[in-house]
Protein backbone atom coordinates (compact mmCIF):
# COMPACT_ATOMS: atom_id res chain seq x y z
CA UNK A 1 -4.97 -31.07 20.03
CA UNK A 2 -5.79 -29.40 16.77
CA UNK A 3 -2.91 -28.01 15.14
CA UNK A 4 -4.35 -24.61 13.35
CA UNK A 5 -1.49 -23.12 10.16
CA UNK A 6 -0.53 -19.70 9.77
CA UNK A 7 -2.62 -20.35 5.99
CA UNK A 8 -5.35 -21.26 8.04
CA UNK A 9 -5.23 -18.34 10.96
CA UNK A 10 -4.74 -15.55 7.98
CA UNK A 11 -7.72 -17.19 5.92
CA UNK A 12 -9.93 -16.44 9.07
CA UNK A 13 -8.17 -13.18 9.50
CA UNK A 14 -9.31 -12.75 5.76
CA UNK A 15 -13.00 -14.01 5.99
CA UNK A 16 -13.23 -11.62 9.59
CA UNK A 17 -12.27 -8.89 7.43
CA UNK A 18 -14.58 -9.61 4.86
CA UNK A 19 -17.32 -9.22 7.73
CA UNK A 20 -15.59 -5.78 8.69
CA UNK A 21 -15.71 -4.09 5.51
CA UNK A 22 -19.19 -4.98 4.12
CA UNK A 23 -20.28 -3.50 7.40
CA UNK A 24 -18.52 -0.42 6.82
CA UNK A 25 -20.10 -0.92 2.94
CA UNK A 26 -23.29 -0.97 4.41
CA UNK A 27 -22.73 2.54 7.44
CA UNK A 28 -21.24 3.98 4.37
CA UNK A 29 -24.61 3.37 2.25
CA UNK A 30 -26.71 4.54 4.86
CA UNK A 31 -24.95 7.11 6.10
CA UNK A 32 -26.13 10.92 4.83
CA UNK A 33 -23.08 13.30 6.36
CA UNK A 34 -21.39 13.25 3.40
CA UNK A 35 -18.14 13.99 5.46
CA UNK A 36 -18.55 10.29 7.59
CA UNK A 37 -19.79 8.78 3.95
CA UNK A 38 -16.32 9.64 3.12
CA UNK A 39 -14.11 8.46 6.10
CA UNK A 40 -16.02 5.28 5.69
CA UNK A 41 -15.77 5.09 2.13
CA UNK A 42 -11.76 5.35 2.83
CA UNK A 43 -11.45 2.68 5.30
CA UNK A 44 -13.58 0.25 3.46
CA UNK A 45 -11.32 0.74 0.85
CA UNK A 46 -7.89 0.25 3.16
CA UNK A 47 -9.77 -2.81 4.35
CA UNK A 48 -9.76 -3.82 0.73
CA UNK A 49 -6.55 -3.40 0.15
CA UNK A 50 -5.17 -5.18 3.25
CA UNK A 51 -8.15 -8.08 2.28
CA UNK A 52 -5.68 -8.11 -0.79
CA UNK A 53 -2.56 -8.44 0.65
CA UNK A 54 -3.30 -11.53 2.87
CA UNK A 55 -4.87 -13.01 -0.23
CA UNK A 56 -1.71 -12.97 -1.35
CA UNK A 57 -0.11 -14.18 1.49
CA UNK A 58 -2.14 -16.72 2.26
CA UNK A 59 -1.49 -17.81 -1.96
CA UNK A 60 2.11 -17.53 -1.41
CA UNK A 61 2.24 -19.57 2.30
CA UNK A 62 0.49 -22.35 0.31
CA UNK A 63 2.95 -21.72 -2.39
CA UNK A 64 5.83 -23.01 0.07
CA UNK A 65 3.76 -25.37 2.18
CA UNK A 66 1.27 -27.00 -0.71
CA UNK A 67 0.75 -30.00 2.43
CA UNK A 68 -1.59 -27.04 3.57
CA UNK A 69 -3.11 -25.75 0.12
CA UNK A 70 -6.57 -26.43 0.95
CA UNK A 71 -7.03 -26.19 4.39
């Protein structure tokens, strides 16, 4: 049985969120309604903030558990 570490799970989540952010950015760039564009931009910024927080968390996890670094 393969055991996935917390750090690996967080990294997978970050990758998914980066995809979500890219989709929001794409929709925002093609949206014509200004209210919708603003809403998409606000949510893309929120996702970016979450990505930053999770990336910092990965650094902490890897520092606390160096055997998981790079997994």
